[in-house]
Amino acid sequence: LAAEDRCHLNGLALAEGATAGTSPAPKYVTALGETDARGGWRANKAKG
């Protein structure tokens, strides 16, 4: 695990039904791009 920006999360939707004292779980996420290089998503912002 490294503190690097290898993908860009740009959307998050939470599931319904959290109980008191708990946070809702993520249900859907969207990402702008995913690579195996630090900052690699930046080169293809327009195409993903």
N, C-alpha and C. Protein backbone atom coordinates (compact mmCIF):
# COMPACT_ATOMS: atom_id res chain seq x y z
N LEU A 1 0.85 -1.17 0.00
CA LEU A 1 0.00 0.00 0.00
C LEU A 1 0.89 1.23 0.00
N ALA A 2 0.62 2.12 -0.93
CA ALA A 2 1.43 3.33 -1.05
C ALA A 2 0.51 4.54 -1.20
N ALA A 3 0.96 5.66 -0.71
CA ALA A 3 0.19 6.90 -0.81
C ALA A 3 0.44 7.53 -2.18
N GLU A 4 -0.12 6.90 -3.22
CA GLU A 4 0.04 7.39 -4.58
C GLU A 4 -1.34 7.51 -5.23
N ASP A 5 -1.44 8.33 -6.24
CA ASP A 5 -2.69 8.57 -6.94
C ASP A 5 -2.71 7.74 -8.22
N ARG A 6 -3.16 6.47 -8.13
CA ARG A 6 -3.18 5.58 -9.29
C ARG A 6 -4.55 5.50 -9.95
N CYS A 7 -5.58 5.97 -9.31
CA CYS A 7 -6.90 6.08 -9.94
C CYS A 7 -7.56 7.32 -9.37
N HIS A 8 -8.61 7.77 -10.03
CA HIS A 8 -9.27 9.01 -9.60
C HIS A 8 -10.74 8.72 -9.35
N LEU A 9 -11.11 8.61 -8.10
CA LEU A 9 -12.50 8.39 -7.72
C LEU A 9 -13.26 9.70 -7.87
N ASN A 10 -14.34 9.69 -8.66
CA ASN A 10 -15.06 10.95 -8.85
C ASN A 10 -16.55 10.86 -8.56
N GLY A 11 -17.03 9.72 -8.06
CA GLY A 11 -18.43 9.61 -7.69
C GLY A 11 -18.62 8.54 -6.65
N LEU A 12 -19.56 8.74 -5.74
CA LEU A 12 -19.81 7.79 -4.66
C LEU A 12 -21.28 7.86 -4.28
N ALA A 13 -21.95 6.71 -4.26
CA ALA A 13 -23.34 6.62 -3.80
C ALA A 13 -23.37 5.65 -2.63
N LEU A 14 -24.05 6.03 -1.57
CA LEU A 14 -24.11 5.21 -0.37
C LEU A 14 -25.39 4.39 -0.31
N ALA A 15 -25.29 3.21 0.22
CA ALA A 15 -26.44 2.33 0.38
C ALA A 15 -27.33 2.83 1.51
N GLU A 16 -28.61 2.58 1.40
CA GLU A 16 -29.54 2.92 2.46
C GLU A 16 -29.46 1.88 3.57
N GLY A 17 -29.98 2.23 4.73
CA GLY A 17 -30.14 1.24 5.79
C GLY A 17 -29.06 1.21 6.84
N ALA A 18 -28.30 2.26 7.00
CA ALA A 18 -27.32 2.27 8.08
C ALA A 18 -28.06 2.30 9.42
N THR A 19 -27.55 1.59 10.39
CA THR A 19 -28.16 1.60 11.72
C THR A 19 -27.51 2.67 12.57
N ALA A 20 -28.13 2.99 13.68
CA ALA A 20 -27.61 4.02 14.57
C ALA A 20 -26.16 3.72 14.94
N GLY A 21 -25.32 4.71 14.79
CA GLY A 21 -23.92 4.55 15.15
C GLY A 21 -23.05 3.93 14.07
N THR A 22 -23.62 3.63 12.91
CA THR A 22 -22.81 3.08 11.82
C THR A 22 -22.94 3.96 10.59
N SER A 23 -21.97 3.89 9.75
CA SER A 23 -22.00 4.65 8.51
C SER A 23 -22.55 3.77 7.39
N PRO A 24 -23.26 4.36 6.44
CA PRO A 24 -23.74 3.56 5.31
C PRO A 24 -22.56 3.08 4.47
N ALA A 25 -22.72 1.93 3.87
CA ALA A 25 -21.66 1.36 3.03
C ALA A 25 -21.75 1.93 1.61
N PRO A 26 -20.63 2.05 0.93
CA PRO A 26 -20.68 2.46 -0.47
C PRO A 26 -21.45 1.43 -1.29
N LYS A 27 -22.30 1.90 -2.20
CA LYS A 27 -23.04 0.99 -3.08
C LYS A 27 -22.51 1.08 -4.50
N TYR A 28 -22.23 2.28 -4.97
CA TYR A 28 -21.68 2.48 -6.30
C TYR A 28 -20.54 3.49 -6.23
N VAL A 29 -19.52 3.28 -7.03
CA VAL A 29 -18.44 4.25 -7.18
C VAL A 29 -18.11 4.37 -8.66
N THR A 30 -17.63 5.53 -9.06
CA THR A 30 -17.15 5.71 -10.42
C THR A 30 -15.73 6.25 -10.36
N ALA A 31 -14.93 5.84 -11.32
CA ALA A 31 -13.54 6.27 -11.37
C ALA A 31 -13.24 6.84 -12.75
N LEU A 32 -12.41 7.85 -12.78
CA LEU A 32 -12.04 8.49 -14.03
C LEU A 32 -11.06 7.63 -14.81
N GLY A 33 -10.21 6.92 -14.14
CA GLY A 33 -9.24 6.06 -14.81
C GLY A 33 -8.51 5.21 -13.80
N GLU A 34 -7.88 4.15 -14.29
CA GLU A 34 -7.12 3.26 -13.42
C GLU A 34 -5.87 2.81 -14.16
N THR A 35 -4.74 2.93 -13.52
CA THR A 35 -3.47 2.49 -14.10
C THR A 35 -2.63 1.87 -12.99
N ASP A 36 -1.50 1.37 -13.37
CA ASP A 36 -0.56 0.86 -12.38
C ASP A 36 0.68 1.75 -12.33
N ALA A 37 0.49 3.02 -12.63
CA ALA A 37 1.58 3.99 -12.58
C ALA A 37 1.12 5.19 -11.78
N ARG A 38 2.00 5.73 -10.99
CA ARG A 38 1.67 6.90 -10.17
C ARG A 38 1.21 8.05 -11.07
N GLY A 39 0.00 8.54 -10.85
CA GLY A 39 -0.55 9.64 -11.64
C GLY A 39 -0.87 9.28 -13.09
N GLY A 40 -0.85 7.98 -13.42
CA GLY A 40 -1.06 7.54 -14.80
C GLY A 40 -2.42 7.88 -15.37
N TRP A 41 -3.42 8.04 -14.56
CA TRP A 41 -4.76 8.36 -15.04
C TRP A 41 -4.83 9.74 -15.69
N ARG A 42 -3.91 10.62 -15.35
CA ARG A 42 -3.96 11.99 -15.86
C ARG A 42 -3.78 12.07 -17.38
N ALA A 43 -2.99 11.16 -17.94
CA ALA A 43 -2.70 11.22 -19.37
C ALA A 43 -3.93 10.94 -20.23
N ASN A 44 -4.91 10.22 -19.72
CA ASN A 44 -6.09 9.85 -20.51
C ASN A 44 -7.39 10.35 -19.89
N LYS A 45 -7.38 11.55 -19.35
CA LYS A 45 -8.59 12.08 -18.70
C LYS A 45 -9.80 12.07 -19.62
N ALA A 46 -9.64 12.43 -20.86
CA ALA A 46 -10.77 12.54 -21.78
C ALA A 46 -11.33 11.18 -22.19
N LYS A 47 -10.51 10.13 -22.18
CA LYS A 47 -10.95 8.82 -22.66
C LYS A 47 -11.07 7.78 -21.57
N GLY A 48 -10.65 8.09 -20.36
CA GLY A 48 -10.78 7.15 -19.25
C GLY A 48 -9.65 6.18 -19.10
